[in-house]
């Protein structure tokens, strides 16, 4: 498991393809769309709001380089003004992934894994971005299913 692929704040690595498990889901930059969050819309009219820091939303498409499976990616992006010794400074942008559909698998599933166990692992992968504890609970359930099968 490559931990750098599974960080909540990303610079868009390639994730393992959940379909073929050989290729990688890569971001289609042309498909990226951003939208302003409602909170940001409201705060724009507030003179006390620090307008250099923002939290907005993004969506994008993914595509496997091997099997051409497609996917979607969604989450928040934050912009934060950073001083750099000049008057202008620079803006740092961070992307927080909240959902990838279909969810990449954290590790390959090899045969002869029972289909019921594979389904539980895929459910855990889908929960990973939204709720780590729920994903861990599903993985525990998958381990229990493997032991039951044995």
Protein backbone atom coordinates (compact mmCIF):
# COMPACT_ATOMS: atom_id res chain seq x y z
CA UNK A 1 0.00 0.00 0.00
CA UNK A 2 1.47 3.33 -1.06
CA UNK A 3 0.51 5.68 1.76
CA UNK A 4 1.02 8.83 -0.34
CA UNK A 5 -1.99 7.86 -2.48
CA UNK A 6 -4.31 7.73 0.50
CA UNK A 7 -3.79 11.13 2.11
CA UNK A 8 -6.89 13.25 2.64
CA UNK A 9 -5.13 16.32 1.19
CA UNK A 10 -3.70 15.41 -2.21
CA UNK A 11 -1.90 16.70 -5.25
CA UNK A 12 -3.80 14.18 -7.38
CA UNK A 13 -1.72 11.03 -7.54
CA UNK A 14 -2.78 8.12 -9.71
CA UNK A 15 -4.96 5.72 -7.72
CA UNK A 16 -5.12 1.97 -8.44
CA UNK A 17 -7.94 1.10 -10.83
CA UNK A 18 -10.74 -0.72 -8.96
CA UNK A 19 -11.84 -2.49 -12.16
CA UNK A 20 -8.70 -4.05 -13.68
CA UNK A 21 -6.43 -3.60 -10.62
CA UNK A 22 -3.46 -3.27 -13.01
CA UNK A 23 -3.82 0.29 -14.29
CA UNK A 24 -4.13 3.63 -12.55
CA UNK A 25 -6.99 6.09 -12.35
CA UNK A 26 -5.60 9.43 -13.48
CA UNK A 27 -7.13 12.87 -13.21
CA UNK A 28 -8.52 14.47 -16.36
CA UNK A 29 -7.54 18.10 -15.65
CA UNK A 30 -9.83 19.40 -18.39
CA UNK A 31 -12.83 17.93 -16.54
CA UNK A 32 -12.12 19.72 -13.24
CA UNK A 33 -14.93 22.03 -12.17
CA UNK A 34 -15.00 24.27 -9.14
CA UNK A 35 -17.87 26.04 -7.46
CA UNK A 36 -18.10 28.48 -4.59
CA UNK A 37 -19.53 27.14 -1.36
CA UNK A 38 -22.58 28.84 0.12
CA UNK A 39 -20.57 29.91 3.18
CA UNK A 40 -18.07 31.69 0.92
CA UNK A 41 -20.90 33.44 -0.94
CA UNK A 42 -22.27 34.75 2.35
CA UNK A 43 -18.88 35.76 3.76
CA UNK A 44 -17.99 37.85 0.68
CA UNK A 45 -20.39 40.51 1.95
CA UNK A 46 -18.83 40.52 5.43
CA UNK A 47 -16.13 43.22 5.70
CA UNK A 48 -14.53 41.44 8.69
CA UNK A 49 -13.98 38.22 6.70
CA UNK A 50 -10.39 37.43 5.73
CA UNK A 51 -10.84 37.05 1.97
CA UNK A 52 -7.45 35.47 1.31
CA UNK A 53 -8.58 32.15 2.80
CA UNK A 54 -11.38 30.28 1.03
CA UNK A 55 -12.97 26.85 1.05
CA UNK A 56 -14.82 25.88 -2.11
CA UNK A 57 -15.87 22.65 -3.89
CA UNK A 58 -14.46 20.72 -6.84
CA UNK A 59 -15.38 17.76 -9.02
CA UNK A 60 -13.34 15.99 -11.70
CA UNK A 61 -13.27 12.86 -13.84
CA UNK A 62 -10.77 10.03 -13.63
CA UNK A 63 -9.81 7.48 -16.27
CA UNK A 64 -7.80 4.26 -16.11
CA UNK A 65 -4.84 4.23 -18.43
CA UNK A 66 -5.17 0.45 -18.95
CA UNK A 67 -8.84 -0.58 -19.11
CA UNK A 68 -10.34 2.90 -19.65
CA UNK A 69 -12.63 2.60 -16.61
CA UNK A 70 -13.97 6.03 -15.68
CA UNK A 71 -14.60 7.56 -12.30
CA UNK A 72 -15.49 10.76 -10.52
CA UNK A 73 -13.73 12.66 -7.79
CA UNK A 74 -15.26 15.27 -5.48
CA UNK A 75 -14.24 17.29 -2.48
CA UNK A 76 -13.18 20.65 -1.10
CA UNK A 77 -10.36 22.88 -2.15
CA UNK A 78 -8.87 25.50 0.08
CA UNK A 79 -6.89 28.55 -0.89
CA UNK A 80 -4.71 30.27 1.67
CA UNK A 81 -2.60 33.37 1.17
CA UNK A 82 0.99 32.81 2.28
CA UNK A 83 3.57 35.53 2.92
CA UNK A 84 6.87 35.09 1.09
CA UNK A 85 8.76 38.23 2.05
CA UNK A 86 7.19 40.28 -0.74
CA UNK A 87 4.06 42.37 -0.64
CA UNK A 88 2.22 40.02 -3.01
CA UNK A 89 2.91 36.71 -1.27
CA UNK A 90 1.46 33.62 -2.94
CA UNK A 91 -1.66 31.52 -2.74
CA UNK A 92 -1.37 27.93 -1.57
CA UNK A 93 -4.09 25.57 -2.82
CA UNK A 94 -4.98 22.26 -1.17
CA UNK A 95 -7.43 19.62 -2.37
CA UNK A 96 -9.36 17.50 0.14
CA UNK A 97 -10.80 14.34 -1.44
CA UNK A 98 -14.18 13.39 0.02
CA UNK A 99 -15.34 10.86 -2.57
CA UNK A 100 -14.01 8.73 -5.42
CA UNK A 101 -16.53 6.62 -7.37
CA UNK A 102 -15.81 3.81 -8.06
CA UNK A 103 -13.54 3.72 -5.06
CA UNK A 104 -9.95 2.58 -5.62
CA UNK A 105 -8.96 -0.49 -3.63
CA UNK A 106 -6.29 0.04 -0.95
CA UNK A 107 -4.72 -3.29 -1.91
CA UNK A 108 -5.21 -5.79 -4.76
CA UNK A 109 -7.81 -8.53 -4.35
CA UNK A 110 -6.48 -11.84 -5.62
CA UNK A 111 -8.37 -15.03 -6.32
CA UNK A 112 -9.56 -17.24 -4.66
CA UNK A 113 -11.02 -14.49 -2.42
CA UNK A 114 -14.73 -15.28 -1.96
CA UNK A 115 -17.04 -12.84 -3.76
CA UNK A 116 -18.75 -11.94 -0.47
CA UNK A 117 -15.40 -10.89 1.00
CA UNK A 118 -14.53 -8.90 -2.13
CA UNK A 119 -17.87 -7.05 -1.88
CA UNK A 120 -17.14 -6.07 1.73
CA UNK A 121 -13.64 -4.85 0.82
CA UNK A 122 -15.09 -2.75 -2.01
CA UNK A 123 -17.63 -1.25 0.42
CA UNK A 124 -14.79 -0.40 2.83
CA UNK A 125 -12.90 1.31 0.00
CA UNK A 126 -15.96 3.43 -0.76
CA UNK A 127 -16.16 4.56 2.87
CA UNK A 128 -12.46 5.39 3.17
CA UNK A 129 -12.66 9.05 2.11
CA UNK A 130 -15.76 9.89 4.15
CA UNK A 131 -15.27 7.89 7.36
CA UNK A 132 -12.02 6.08 8.21
CA UNK A 133 -13.53 4.36 11.25
CA UNK A 134 -16.43 2.96 9.23
CA UNK A 135 -13.99 1.76 6.55
CA UNK A 136 -11.86 0.02 9.21
CA UNK A 137 -14.97 -1.62 10.64
CA UNK A 138 -15.90 -2.99 7.20
CA UNK A 139 -12.34 -4.35 6.76
CA UNK A 140 -12.67 -6.08 10.12
CA UNK A 141 -15.93 -7.57 8.84
CA UNK A 142 -14.09 -8.76 5.71
CA UNK A 143 -11.48 -10.49 7.88
CA UNK A 144 -14.26 -12.18 9.84
CA UNK A 145 -15.81 -13.34 6.55
CA UNK A 146 -12.44 -14.80 5.45
CA UNK A 147 -12.16 -16.71 8.75
CA UNK A 148 -15.74 -17.95 8.42
CA UNK A 149 -15.00 -19.12 4.88
CA UNK A 150 -11.89 -20.98 6.05
